[in-house]
Full PDB file with SEQRES, HELIX, SHEET, SSBOND, CRYST1, ORIGX, SCALE, CONECT and MASTER records, all heavy atoms in Angstrom:
SEQRES   1 A   45  THR GLY LEU ASP ALA GLY THR ILE GLN GLN LEU LEU PRO          
SEQRES   2 A   45  LEU ILE VAL PRO VAL VAL LEU ASN PHE LEU GLN SER GLY          
SEQRES   3 A   45  ALA ASN ALA GLN SER GLY SER ASN SER VAL LEU ASN THR          
SEQRES   4 A   45  PHE LEU ASP ALA ASP ARG                                      
HELIX    1 AA1 ALA A    5  GLN A   24  1                                  20    
HELIX    2 AA2 SER A   35  LEU A   41  1                                   7    
CRYST1    1.000    1.000    1.000  90.00  90.00  90.00 P 1           1          
ORIGX1      1.000000  0.000000  0.000000        0.00000                         
ORIGX2      0.000000  1.000000  0.000000        0.00000                         
ORIGX3      0.000000  0.000000  1.000000        0.00000                         
SCALE1      1.000000  0.000000  0.000000        0.00000                         
SCALE2      0.000000  1.000000  0.000000        0.00000                         
SCALE3      0.000000  0.000000  1.000000        0.00000                         
ATOM      1  N   THR A   1      33.991   1.797 -35.062  1.00  0.00           N  
ATOM      2  CA  THR A   1      33.173   2.852 -34.496  1.00  0.00           C  
ATOM      3  C   THR A   1      33.945   4.099 -34.073  1.00  0.00           C  
ATOM      4  O   THR A   1      33.380   5.126 -33.827  1.00  0.00           O  
ATOM      5  CB  THR A   1      32.461   2.384 -33.205  1.00  0.00           C  
ATOM      6  OG1 THR A   1      33.400   1.998 -32.217  1.00  0.00           O  
ATOM      7  CG2 THR A   1      31.524   1.201 -33.548  1.00  0.00           C  
ATOM      8  N   GLY A   2      35.297   3.980 -33.920  1.00  0.00           N  
ATOM      9  CA  GLY A   2      36.088   5.087 -33.488  1.00  0.00           C  
ATOM     10  C   GLY A   2      36.155   5.213 -31.950  1.00  0.00           C  
ATOM     11  O   GLY A   2      36.844   6.085 -31.426  1.00  0.00           O  
ATOM     12  N   LEU A   3      35.439   4.376 -31.222  1.00  0.00           N  
ATOM     13  CA  LEU A   3      35.503   4.392 -29.759  1.00  0.00           C  
ATOM     14  C   LEU A   3      36.806   3.703 -29.284  1.00  0.00           C  
ATOM     15  O   LEU A   3      37.361   2.873 -30.040  1.00  0.00           O  
ATOM     16  CB  LEU A   3      34.343   3.623 -29.156  1.00  0.00           C  
ATOM     17  CG  LEU A   3      32.949   4.291 -29.433  1.00  0.00           C  
ATOM     18  CD1 LEU A   3      31.828   3.364 -28.916  1.00  0.00           C  
ATOM     19  CD2 LEU A   3      32.868   5.682 -28.757  1.00  0.00           C  
ATOM     20  N   ASP A   4      37.273   4.013 -28.128  1.00  0.00           N  
ATOM     21  CA  ASP A   4      38.495   3.466 -27.582  1.00  0.00           C  
ATOM     22  C   ASP A   4      38.373   1.959 -27.302  1.00  0.00           C  
ATOM     23  O   ASP A   4      37.353   1.571 -26.654  1.00  0.00           O  
ATOM     24  CB  ASP A   4      38.847   4.223 -26.328  1.00  0.00           C  
ATOM     25  CG  ASP A   4      40.094   3.697 -25.664  1.00  0.00           C  
ATOM     26  OD1 ASP A   4      41.185   3.874 -26.263  1.00  0.00           O  
ATOM     27  OD2 ASP A   4      39.973   3.144 -24.569  1.00  0.00           O  
ATOM     28  N   ALA A   5      39.302   1.146 -27.724  1.00  0.00           N  
ATOM     29  CA  ALA A   5      39.236  -0.291 -27.507  1.00  0.00           C  
ATOM     30  C   ALA A   5      39.241  -0.630 -26.005  1.00  0.00           C  
ATOM     31  O   ALA A   5      38.551  -1.573 -25.604  1.00  0.00           O  
ATOM     32  CB  ALA A   5      40.423  -0.993 -28.179  1.00  0.00           C  
ATOM     33  N   GLY A   6      39.987   0.136 -25.208  1.00  0.00           N  
ATOM     34  CA  GLY A   6      39.956  -0.104 -23.755  1.00  0.00           C  
ATOM     35  C   GLY A   6      38.600   0.135 -23.138  1.00  0.00           C  
ATOM     36  O   GLY A   6      38.123  -0.641 -22.281  1.00  0.00           O  
ATOM     37  N   THR A   7      37.902   1.143 -23.587  1.00  0.00           N  
ATOM     38  CA  THR A   7      36.558   1.467 -23.152  1.00  0.00           C  
ATOM     39  C   THR A   7      35.633   0.336 -23.538  1.00  0.00           C  
ATOM     40  O   THR A   7      34.784  -0.123 -22.732  1.00  0.00           O  
ATOM     41  CB  THR A   7      36.088   2.798 -23.705  1.00  0.00           C  
ATOM     42  OG1 THR A   7      36.948   3.818 -23.294  1.00  0.00           O  
ATOM     43  CG2 THR A   7      34.661   3.146 -23.256  1.00  0.00           C  
ATOM     44  N   ILE A   8      35.715  -0.101 -24.786  1.00  0.00           N  
ATOM     45  CA  ILE A   8      34.889  -1.204 -25.240  1.00  0.00           C  
ATOM     46  C   ILE A   8      35.079  -2.443 -24.404  1.00  0.00           C  
ATOM     47  O   ILE A   8      34.142  -3.093 -23.962  1.00  0.00           O  
ATOM     48  CB  ILE A   8      35.126  -1.505 -26.763  1.00  0.00           C  
ATOM     49  CG1 ILE A   8      34.800  -0.285 -27.665  1.00  0.00           C  
ATOM     50  CG2 ILE A   8      34.358  -2.740 -27.173  1.00  0.00           C  
ATOM     51  CD1 ILE A   8      33.377   0.155 -27.526  1.00  0.00           C  
ATOM     52  N   GLN A   9      36.341  -2.781 -24.100  1.00  0.00           N  
ATOM     53  CA  GLN A   9      36.639  -3.937 -23.344  1.00  0.00           C  
ATOM     54  C   GLN A   9      36.046  -3.845 -21.917  1.00  0.00           C  
ATOM     55  O   GLN A   9      35.497  -4.778 -21.367  1.00  0.00           O  
ATOM     56  CB  GLN A   9      38.137  -4.202 -23.253  1.00  0.00           C  
ATOM     57  CG  GLN A   9      38.450  -5.619 -22.819  1.00  0.00           C  
ATOM     58  CD  GLN A   9      39.842  -6.062 -23.248  1.00  0.00           C  
ATOM     59  OE1 GLN A   9      40.584  -5.317 -23.842  1.00  0.00           O  
ATOM     60  NE2 GLN A   9      40.156  -7.304 -22.899  1.00  0.00           N  
ATOM     61  N   GLN A  10      36.026  -2.614 -21.345  1.00  0.00           N  
ATOM     62  CA  GLN A  10      35.395  -2.416 -20.047  1.00  0.00           C  
ATOM     63  C   GLN A  10      33.882  -2.540 -20.149  1.00  0.00           C  
ATOM     64  O   GLN A  10      33.248  -2.873 -19.155  1.00  0.00           O  
ATOM     65  CB  GLN A  10      35.785  -1.048 -19.520  1.00  0.00           C  
ATOM     66  CG  GLN A  10      37.225  -0.916 -19.104  1.00  0.00           C  
ATOM     67  CD  GLN A  10      37.616   0.467 -18.689  1.00  0.00           C  
ATOM     68  OE1 GLN A  10      36.807   1.413 -18.805  1.00  0.00           O  
ATOM     69  NE2 GLN A  10      38.830   0.645 -18.203  1.00  0.00           N  
ATOM     70  N   LEU A  11      33.299  -2.192 -21.294  1.00  0.00           N  
ATOM     71  CA  LEU A  11      31.882  -2.252 -21.468  1.00  0.00           C  
ATOM     72  C   LEU A  11      31.361  -3.646 -21.871  1.00  0.00           C  
ATOM     73  O   LEU A  11      30.123  -3.885 -21.717  1.00  0.00           O  
ATOM     74  CB  LEU A  11      31.375  -1.236 -22.497  1.00  0.00           C  
ATOM     75  CG  LEU A  11      31.587   0.228 -22.161  1.00  0.00           C  
ATOM     76  CD1 LEU A  11      31.200   1.121 -23.283  1.00  0.00           C  
ATOM     77  CD2 LEU A  11      30.789   0.576 -20.891  1.00  0.00           C  
ATOM     78  N   LEU A  12      32.171  -4.551 -22.288  1.00  0.00           N  
ATOM     79  CA  LEU A  12      31.745  -5.897 -22.683  1.00  0.00           C  
ATOM     80  C   LEU A  12      30.905  -6.579 -21.630  1.00  0.00           C  
ATOM     81  O   LEU A  12      29.897  -7.211 -22.005  1.00  0.00           O  
ATOM     82  CB  LEU A  12      32.896  -6.742 -23.124  1.00  0.00           C  
ATOM     83  CG  LEU A  12      33.501  -6.446 -24.488  1.00  0.00           C  
ATOM     84  CD1 LEU A  12      34.718  -7.342 -24.770  1.00  0.00           C  
ATOM     85  CD2 LEU A  12      32.501  -6.620 -25.614  1.00  0.00           C  
ATOM     86  N   PRO A  13      31.227  -6.484 -20.308  1.00  0.00           N  
ATOM     87  CA  PRO A  13      30.368  -7.103 -19.328  1.00  0.00           C  
ATOM     88  C   PRO A  13      28.947  -6.578 -19.246  1.00  0.00           C  
ATOM     89  O   PRO A  13      28.069  -7.251 -18.651  1.00  0.00           O  
ATOM     90  CB  PRO A  13      31.120  -6.870 -18.004  1.00  0.00           C  
ATOM     91  CG  PRO A  13      32.525  -6.696 -18.425  1.00  0.00           C  
ATOM     92  CD  PRO A  13      32.476  -5.969 -19.731  1.00  0.00           C  
ATOM     93  N   LEU A  14      28.672  -5.447 -19.857  1.00  0.00           N  
ATOM     94  CA  LEU A  14      27.357  -4.917 -19.957  1.00  0.00           C  
ATOM     95  C   LEU A  14      26.726  -5.200 -21.316  1.00  0.00           C  
ATOM     96  O   LEU A  14      25.530  -5.549 -21.443  1.00  0.00           O  
ATOM     97  CB  LEU A  14      27.297  -3.427 -19.720  1.00  0.00           C  
ATOM     98  CG  LEU A  14      25.954  -2.733 -19.653  1.00  0.00           C  
ATOM     99  CD1 LEU A  14      25.001  -3.453 -18.667  1.00  0.00           C  
ATOM    100  CD2 LEU A  14      26.081  -1.299 -19.244  1.00  0.00           C  
ATOM    101  N   ILE A  15      27.543  -5.131 -22.382  1.00  0.00           N  
ATOM    102  CA  ILE A  15      27.046  -5.305 -23.713  1.00  0.00           C  
ATOM    103  C   ILE A  15      26.631  -6.786 -23.976  1.00  0.00           C  
ATOM    104  O   ILE A  15      25.585  -6.998 -24.566  1.00  0.00           O  
ATOM    105  CB  ILE A  15      28.131  -4.893 -24.748  1.00  0.00           C  
ATOM    106  CG1 ILE A  15      28.388  -3.399 -24.635  1.00  0.00           C  
ATOM    107  CG2 ILE A  15      27.712  -5.265 -26.180  1.00  0.00           C  
ATOM    108  CD1 ILE A  15      29.587  -2.897 -25.403  1.00  0.00           C  
ATOM    109  N   VAL A  16      27.436  -7.715 -23.559  1.00  0.00           N  
ATOM    110  CA  VAL A  16      27.146  -9.149 -23.860  1.00  0.00           C  
ATOM    111  C   VAL A  16      25.842  -9.564 -23.193  1.00  0.00           C  
ATOM    112  O   VAL A  16      24.971 -10.171 -23.874  1.00  0.00           O  
ATOM    113  CB  VAL A  16      28.331 -10.057 -23.456  1.00  0.00           C  
ATOM    114  CG1 VAL A  16      27.954 -11.510 -23.469  1.00  0.00           C  
ATOM    115  CG2 VAL A  16      29.535  -9.792 -24.402  1.00  0.00           C  
ATOM    116  N   PRO A  17      25.588  -9.272 -21.909  1.00  0.00           N  
ATOM    117  CA  PRO A  17      24.262  -9.610 -21.309  1.00  0.00           C  
ATOM    118  C   PRO A  17      23.089  -8.976 -22.022  1.00  0.00           C  
ATOM    119  O   PRO A  17      21.976  -9.601 -22.133  1.00  0.00           O  
ATOM    120  CB  PRO A  17      24.367  -9.159 -19.888  1.00  0.00           C  
ATOM    121  CG  PRO A  17      25.830  -9.173 -19.561  1.00  0.00           C  
ATOM    122  CD  PRO A  17      26.454  -8.763 -20.888  1.00  0.00           C  
ATOM    123  N   VAL A  18      23.264  -7.781 -22.558  1.00  0.00           N  
ATOM    124  CA  VAL A  18      22.158  -7.131 -23.296  1.00  0.00           C  
ATOM    125  C   VAL A  18      21.837  -7.884 -24.583  1.00  0.00           C  
ATOM    126  O   VAL A  18      20.708  -8.128 -24.896  1.00  0.00           O  
ATOM    127  CB  VAL A  18      22.501  -5.649 -23.593  1.00  0.00           C  
ATOM    128  CG1 VAL A  18      21.527  -5.031 -24.596  1.00  0.00           C  
ATOM    129  CG2 VAL A  18      22.474  -4.820 -22.297  1.00  0.00           C  
ATOM    130  N   VAL A  19      22.898  -8.310 -25.261  1.00  0.00           N  
ATOM    131  CA  VAL A  19      22.686  -9.120 -26.537  1.00  0.00           C  
ATOM    132  C   VAL A  19      21.957 -10.407 -26.151  1.00  0.00           C  
ATOM    133  O   VAL A  19      21.014 -10.812 -26.803  1.00  0.00           O  
ATOM    134  CB  VAL A  19      24.022  -9.383 -27.200  1.00  0.00           C  
ATOM    135  CG1 VAL A  19      23.884 -10.401 -28.340  1.00  0.00           C  
ATOM    136  CG2 VAL A  19      24.636  -8.085 -27.759  1.00  0.00           C  
ATOM    137  N   LEU A  20      22.452 -11.102 -25.091  1.00  0.00           N  
ATOM    138  CA  LEU A  20      21.814 -12.324 -24.662  1.00  0.00           C  
ATOM    139  C   LEU A  20      20.372 -12.107 -24.184  1.00  0.00           C  
ATOM    140  O   LEU A  20      19.496 -12.948 -24.377  1.00  0.00           O  
ATOM    141  CB  LEU A  20      22.665 -12.966 -23.548  1.00  0.00           C  
ATOM    142  CG  LEU A  20      24.062 -13.442 -24.006  1.00  0.00           C  
ATOM    143  CD1 LEU A  20      24.809 -13.976 -22.783  1.00  0.00           C  
ATOM    144  CD2 LEU A  20      24.053 -14.407 -25.103  1.00  0.00           C  
ATOM    145  N   ASN A  21      20.080 -10.959 -23.582  1.00  0.00           N  
ATOM    146  CA  ASN A  21      18.754 -10.620 -23.144  1.00  0.00           C  
ATOM    147  C   ASN A  21      17.805 -10.574 -24.357  1.00  0.00           C  
ATOM    148  O   ASN A  21      16.656 -11.043 -24.315  1.00  0.00           O  
ATOM    149  CB  ASN A  21      18.728  -9.274 -22.435  1.00  0.00           C  
ATOM    150  CG  ASN A  21      17.542  -9.048 -21.571  1.00  0.00           C  
ATOM    151  OD1 ASN A  21      16.607  -9.841 -21.563  1.00  0.00           O  
ATOM    152  ND2 ASN A  21      17.507  -7.932 -20.886  1.00  0.00           N  
ATOM    153  N   PHE A  22      18.242  -9.967 -25.483  1.00  0.00           N  
ATOM    154  CA  PHE A  22      17.440  -9.948 -26.664  1.00  0.00           C  
ATOM    155  C   PHE A  22      17.151 -11.394 -27.111  1.00  0.00           C  
ATOM    156  O   PHE A  22      16.037 -11.723 -27.467  1.00  0.00           O  
ATOM    157  CB  PHE A  22      18.202  -9.265 -27.840  1.00  0.00           C  
ATOM    158  CG  PHE A  22      17.580  -7.992 -28.273  1.00  0.00           C  
ATOM    159  CD1 PHE A  22      18.298  -6.819 -28.095  1.00  0.00           C  
ATOM    160  CD2 PHE A  22      16.375  -7.951 -28.888  1.00  0.00           C  
ATOM    161  CE1 PHE A  22      17.731  -5.601 -28.478  1.00  0.00           C  
ATOM    162  CE2 PHE A  22      15.804  -6.802 -29.316  1.00  0.00           C  
ATOM    163  CZ  PHE A  22      16.487  -5.591 -29.148  1.00  0.00           C  
ATOM    164  N   LEU A  23      18.164 -12.243 -27.083  1.00  0.00           N  
ATOM    165  CA  LEU A  23      17.982 -13.640 -27.505  1.00  0.00           C  
ATOM    166  C   LEU A  23      17.081 -14.435 -26.594  1.00  0.00           C  
ATOM    167  O   LEU A  23      16.398 -15.333 -27.058  1.00  0.00           O  
ATOM    168  CB  LEU A  23      19.382 -14.304 -27.621  1.00  0.00           C  
ATOM    169  CG  LEU A  23      20.345 -13.645 -28.561  1.00  0.00           C  
ATOM    170  CD1 LEU A  23      21.695 -14.355 -28.579  1.00  0.00           C  
ATOM    171  CD2 LEU A  23      19.781 -13.523 -29.983  1.00  0.00           C  
ATOM    172  N   GLN A  24      17.073 -14.113 -25.335  1.00  0.00           N  
ATOM    173  CA  GLN A  24      16.235 -14.810 -24.369  1.00  0.00           C  
ATOM    174  C   GLN A  24      14.745 -14.585 -24.591  1.00  0.00           C  
ATOM    175  O   GLN A  24      13.935 -15.398 -24.259  1.00  0.00           O  
ATOM    176  CB  GLN A  24      16.618 -14.421 -22.954  1.00  0.00           C  
ATOM    177  CG  GLN A  24      15.932 -15.254 -21.897  1.00  0.00           C  
ATOM    178  CD  GLN A  24      16.255 -14.780 -20.494  1.00  0.00           C  
ATOM    179  OE1 GLN A  24      16.386 -13.594 -20.238  1.00  0.00           O  
ATOM    180  NE2 GLN A  24      16.406 -15.690 -19.570  1.00  0.00           N  
ATOM    181  N   SER A  25      14.392 -13.477 -25.242  1.00  0.00           N  
ATOM    182  CA  SER A  25      13.015 -13.116 -25.387  1.00  0.00           C  
ATOM    183  C   SER A  25      12.181 -14.168 -26.071  1.00  0.00           C  
ATOM    184  O   SER A  25      10.959 -14.250 -25.872  1.00  0.00           O  
ATOM    185  CB  SER A  25      12.887 -11.754 -26.121  1.00  0.00           C  
ATOM    186  OG  SER A  25      13.316 -11.899 -27.459  1.00  0.00           O  
ATOM    187  N   GLY A  26      12.811 -15.018 -26.922  1.00  0.00           N  
ATOM    188  CA  GLY A  26      12.008 -16.024 -27.623  1.00  0.00           C  
ATOM    189  C   GLY A  26      11.844 -17.347 -26.895  1.00  0.00           C  
ATOM    190  O   GLY A  26      11.271 -18.271 -27.450  1.00  0.00           O  
ATOM    191  N   ALA A  27      12.356 -17.449 -25.696  1.00  0.00           N  
ATOM    192  CA  ALA A  27      12.269 -18.740 -24.957  1.00  0.00           C  
ATOM    193  C   ALA A  27      10.824 -19.062 -24.621  1.00  0.00           C  
ATOM    194  O   ALA A  27      10.077 -18.207 -24.163  1.00  0.00           O  
ATOM    195  CB  ALA A  27      13.092 -18.622 -23.649  1.00  0.00           C  
ATOM    196  N   ASN A  28      10.479 -20.255 -24.884  1.00  0.00           N  
ATOM    197  CA  ASN A  28       9.130 -20.740 -24.643  1.00  0.00           C  
ATOM    198  C   ASN A  28       9.159 -21.782 -23.551  1.00  0.00           C  
ATOM    199  O   ASN A  28       9.749 -22.853 -23.690  1.00  0.00           O  
ATOM    200  CB  ASN A  28       8.528 -21.427 -25.965  1.00  0.00           C  
ATOM    201  CG  ASN A  28       7.056 -21.769 -25.783  1.00  0.00           C  
ATOM    202  OD1 ASN A  28       6.669 -22.298 -24.768  1.00  0.00           O  
ATOM    203  ND2 ASN A  28       6.322 -21.498 -26.840  1.00  0.00           N  
ATOM    204  N   ALA A  29       8.535 -21.440 -22.397  1.00  0.00           N  
ATOM    205  CA  ALA A  29       8.619 -22.304 -21.202  1.00  0.00           C  
ATOM    206  C   ALA A  29       7.925 -23.666 -21.480  1.00  0.00           C  
ATOM    207  O   ALA A  29       8.373 -24.656 -20.900  1.00  0.00           O  
ATOM    208  CB  ALA A  29       7.948 -21.615 -20.009  1.00  0.00           C  
ATOM    209  N   GLN A  30       6.882 -23.689 -22.306  1.00  0.00           N  
ATOM    210  CA  GLN A  30       6.160 -24.931 -22.520  1.00  0.00           C  
ATOM    211  C   GLN A  30       6.928 -25.891 -23.436  1.00  0.00           C  
ATOM    212  O   GLN A  30       7.007 -27.078 -23.132  1.00  0.00           O  
ATOM    213  CB  GLN A  30       4.809 -24.620 -23.127  1.00  0.00           C  
ATOM    214  CG  GLN A  30       3.866 -23.921 -22.183  1.00  0.00           C  
ATOM    215  CD  GLN A  30       2.518 -23.540 -22.829  1.00  0.00           C  
ATOM    216  OE1 GLN A  30       2.423 -23.514 -24.020  1.00  0.00           O  
ATOM    217  NE2 GLN A  30       1.535 -23.293 -21.987  1.00  0.00           N  
ATOM    218  N   SER A  31       7.490 -25.380 -24.536  1.00  0.00           N  
ATOM    219  CA  SER A  31       8.118 -26.250 -25.479  1.00  0.00           C  
ATOM    220  C   SER A  31       9.625 -26.401 -25.333  1.00  0.00           C  
ATOM    221  O   SER A  31      10.282 -27.303 -25.832  1.00  0.00           O  
ATOM    222  CB  SER A  31       7.857 -25.790 -26.937  1.00  0.00           C  
ATOM    223  OG  SER A  31       8.539 -24.594 -27.177  1.00  0.00           O  
ATOM    224  N   GLY A  32      10.211 -25.407 -24.594  1.00  0.00           N  
ATOM    225  CA  GLY A  32      11.677 -25.395 -24.382  1.00  0.00           C  
ATOM    226  C   GLY A  32      12.426 -24.856 -25.546  1.00  0.00           C  
ATOM    227  O   GLY A  32      13.631 -24.786 -25.532  1.00  0.00           O  
ATOM    228  N   SER A  33      11.706 -24.486 -26.608  1.00  0.00           N  
ATOM    229  CA  SER A  33      12.375 -23.922 -27.825  1.00  0.00           C  
ATOM    230  C   SER A  33      12.498 -22.404 -27.629  1.00  0.00           C  
ATOM    231  O   SER A  33      11.977 -21.793 -26.740  1.00  0.00           O  
ATOM    232  CB  SER A  33      11.525 -24.230 -29.035  1.00  0.00           C  
ATOM    233  OG  SER A  33      10.282 -23.558 -28.966  1.00  0.00           O  
ATOM    234  N   ASN A  34      13.239 -21.814 -28.557  1.00  0.00           N  
ATOM    235  CA  ASN A  34      13.533 -20.384 -28.556  1.00  0.00           C  
ATOM    236  C   ASN A  34      13.594 -19.858 -29.947  1.00  0.00           C  
ATOM    237  O   ASN A  34      14.649 -19.997 -30.617  1.00  0.00           O  
ATOM    238  CB  ASN A  34      14.768 -20.040 -27.740  1.00  0.00           C  
ATOM    239  CG  ASN A  34      15.012 -18.566 -27.641  1.00  0.00           C  
ATOM    240  OD1 ASN A  34      14.666 -17.764 -28.481  1.00  0.00           O  
ATOM    241  ND2 ASN A  34      15.633 -18.128 -26.493  1.00  0.00           N  
ATOM    242  N   SER A  35      12.533 -19.313 -30.484  1.00  0.00           N  
ATOM    243  CA  SER A  35      12.468 -18.838 -31.887  1.00  0.00           C  
ATOM    244  C   SER A  35      13.456 -17.745 -32.181  1.00  0.00           C  
ATOM    245  O   SER A  35      14.029 -17.730 -33.274  1.00  0.00           O  
ATOM    246  CB  SER A  35      11.041 -18.444 -32.245  1.00  0.00           C  
ATOM    247  OG  SER A  35      10.634 -17.348 -31.417  1.00  0.00           O  
ATOM    248  N   VAL A  36      13.658 -16.845 -31.211  1.00  0.00           N  
ATOM    249  CA  VAL A  36      14.574 -15.725 -31.444  1.00  0.00           C  
ATOM    250  C   VAL A  36      16.028 -16.249 -31.553  1.00  0.00           C  
ATOM    251  O   VAL A  36      16.758 -15.900 -32.459  1.00  0.00           O  
ATOM    252  CB  VAL A  36      14.433 -14.606 -30.354  1.00  0.00           C  
ATOM    253  CG1 VAL A  36      15.468 -13.538 -30.502  1.00  0.00           C  
ATOM    254  CG2 VAL A  36      13.040 -14.021 -30.413  1.00  0.00           C  
ATOM    255  N   LEU A  37      16.387 -17.077 -30.615  1.00  0.00           N  
ATOM    256  CA  LEU A  37      17.742 -17.661 -30.586  1.00  0.00           C  
ATOM    257  C   LEU A  37      17.978 -18.481 -31.861  1.00  0.00           C  
ATOM    258  O   LEU A  37      19.005 -18.398 -32.479  1.00  0.00           O  
ATOM    259  CB  LEU A  37      17.948 -18.532 -29.363  1.00  0.00           C  
ATOM    260  CG  LEU A  37      19.324 -19.164 -29.192  1.00  0.00           C  
ATOM    261  CD1 LEU A  37      20.396 -18.159 -29.176  1.00  0.00           C  
ATOM    262  CD2 LEU A  37      19.351 -20.074 -27.945  1.00  0.00           C  
ATOM    263  N   ASN A  38      16.996 -19.300 -32.249  1.00  0.00           N  
ATOM    264  CA  ASN A  38      17.124 -20.148 -33.432  1.00  0.00           C  
ATOM    265  C   ASN A  38      17.291 -19.283 -34.700  1.00  0.00           C  
ATOM    266  O   ASN A  38      18.093 -19.598 -35.546  1.00  0.00           O  
ATOM    267  CB  ASN A  38      15.941 -21.054 -33.580  1.00  0.00           C  
ATOM    268  CG  ASN A  38      15.881 -22.170 -32.502  1.00  0.00           C  
ATOM    269  OD1 ASN A  38      16.875 -22.410 -31.894  1.00  0.00           O  
ATOM    270  ND2 ASN A  38      14.706 -22.686 -32.298  1.00  0.00           N  
ATOM    271  N   THR A  39      16.560 -18.190 -34.831  1.00  0.00           N  
ATOM    272  CA  THR A  39      16.689 -17.287 -35.928  1.00  0.00           C  
ATOM    273  C   THR A  39      18.100 -16.678 -35.965  1.00  0.00           C  
ATOM    274  O   THR A  39      18.747 -16.575 -36.978  1.00  0.00           O  
ATOM    275  CB  THR A  39      15.630 -16.147 -35.927  1.00  0.00           C  
ATOM    276  OG1 THR A  39      14.327 -16.773 -36.054  1.00  0.00           O  
ATOM    277  CG2 THR A  39      15.806 -15.180 -37.052  1.00  0.00           C  
ATOM    278  N   PHE A  40      18.521 -16.242 -34.760  1.00  0.00           N  
ATOM    279  CA  PHE A  40      19.864 -15.612 -34.610  1.00  0.00           C  
ATOM    280  C   PHE A  40      20.977 -16.573 -35.012  1.00  0.00           C  
ATOM    281  O   PHE A  40      21.947 -16.144 -35.665  1.00  0.00           O  
ATOM    282  CB  PHE A  40      20.041 -15.169 -33.166  1.00  0.00           C  
ATOM    283  CG  PHE A  40      21.268 -14.420 -32.903  1.00  0.00           C  
ATOM    284  CD1 PHE A  40      21.460 -13.113 -33.392  1.00  0.00           C  
ATOM    285  CD2 PHE A  40      22.277 -14.905 -32.142  1.00  0.00           C  
ATOM    286  CE1 PHE A  40      22.618 -12.365 -33.089  1.00  0.00           C  
ATOM    287  CE2 PHE A  40      23.432 -14.220 -31.840  1.00  0.00           C  
ATOM    288  CZ  PHE A  40      23.639 -12.921 -32.342  1.00  0.00           C  
ATOM    289  N   LEU A  41      20.880 -17.819 -34.679  1.00  0.00           N  
ATOM    290  CA  LEU A  41      21.952 -18.764 -34.913  1.00  0.00           C  
ATOM    291  C   LEU A  41      21.821 -19.468 -36.303  1.00  0.00           C  
ATOM    292  O   LEU A  41      22.743 -20.167 -36.653  1.00  0.00           O  
ATOM    293  CB  LEU A  41      21.911 -19.856 -33.796  1.00  0.00           C  
ATOM    294  CG  LEU A  41      22.259 -19.353 -32.431  1.00  0.00           C  
ATOM    295  CD1 LEU A  41      22.193 -20.544 -31.435  1.00  0.00           C  
ATOM    296  CD2 LEU A  41      23.638 -18.717 -32.362  1.00  0.00           C  
ATOM    297  N   ASP A  42      20.729 -19.316 -36.973  1.00  0.00           N  
ATOM    298  CA  ASP A  42      20.534 -19.963 -38.250  1.00  0.00           C  
ATOM    299  C   ASP A  42      21.526 -19.469 -39.309  1.00  0.00           C  
ATOM    300  O   ASP A  42      21.257 -18.503 -40.020  1.00  0.00           O  
ATOM    301  CB  ASP A  42      19.069 -19.798 -38.717  1.00  0.00           C  
ATOM    302  CG  ASP A  42      18.747 -20.687 -39.920  1.00  0.00           C  
ATOM    303  OD1 ASP A  42      19.664 -21.400 -40.399  1.00  0.00           O  
ATOM    304  OD2 ASP A  42      17.643 -20.649 -40.360  1.00  0.00           O  
ATOM    305  N   ALA A  43      22.562 -20.204 -39.472  1.00  0.00           N  
ATOM    306  CA  ALA A  43      23.586 -19.786 -40.437  1.00  0.00           C  
ATOM    307  C   ALA A  43      23.171 -20.077 -41.890  1.00  0.00           C  
ATOM    308  O   ALA A  43      23.835 -19.630 -42.830  1.00  0.00           O  
ATOM    309  CB  ALA A  43      24.927 -20.531 -40.123  1.00  0.00           C  
ATOM    310  N   ASP A  44      22.098 -20.848 -42.055  1.00  0.00           N  
ATOM    311  CA  ASP A  44      21.692 -21.166 -43.436  1.00  0.00           C  
ATOM    312  C   ASP A  44      20.842 -20.104 -44.056  1.00  0.00           C  
ATOM    313  O   ASP A  44      20.514 -20.191 -45.257  1.00  0.00           O  
ATOM    314  CB  ASP A  44      20.870 -22.500 -43.415  1.00  0.00           C  
ATOM    315  CG  ASP A  44      21.715 -23.681 -42.933  1.00  0.00           C  
ATOM    316  OD1 ASP A  44      22.924 -23.656 -43.166  1.00  0.00           O  
ATOM    317  OD2 ASP A  44      21.136 -24.598 -42.361  1.00  0.00           O  
ATOM    318  N   ARG A  45      20.451 -19.112 -43.342  1.00  0.00           N  
ATOM    319  CA  ARG A  45      19.679 -18.014 -43.900  1.00  0.00           C  
ATOM    320  C   ARG A  45      20.584 -17.021 -44.603  1.00  0.00           C  
ATOM    321  O   ARG A  45      21.739 -17.288 -44.765  1.00  0.00           O  
ATOM    322  CB  ARG A  45      18.869 -17.340 -42.798  1.00  0.00           C  
ATOM    323  CG  ARG A  45      17.908 -18.290 -42.201  1.00  0.00           C  
ATOM    324  CD  ARG A  45      16.670 -17.627 -41.813  1.00  0.00           C  
ATOM    325  NE  ARG A  45      15.747 -18.684 -41.300  1.00  0.00           N  
ATOM    326  CZ  ARG A  45      14.654 -18.384 -40.655  1.00  0.00           C  
ATOM    327  NH1 ARG A  45      14.332 -17.132 -40.408  1.00  0.00           N  
ATOM    328  NH2 ARG A  45      13.877 -19.347 -40.205  1.00  0.00           N  
TER     329      ARG A  45                                                      
MASTER        0    0    0    2    0    0    0    6  328    1    0    4          
END                                                                             
């Protein structure tokens, strides 16, 4: 990206929770499954 590596390292504590927030959106309280997380992790696709 051309951004400074030190800046990126300082931003990781904000970036990682945002990525995980996207993945959390598919959590289903009733079934315990998570369609978004499963799609994200599906290495066979």
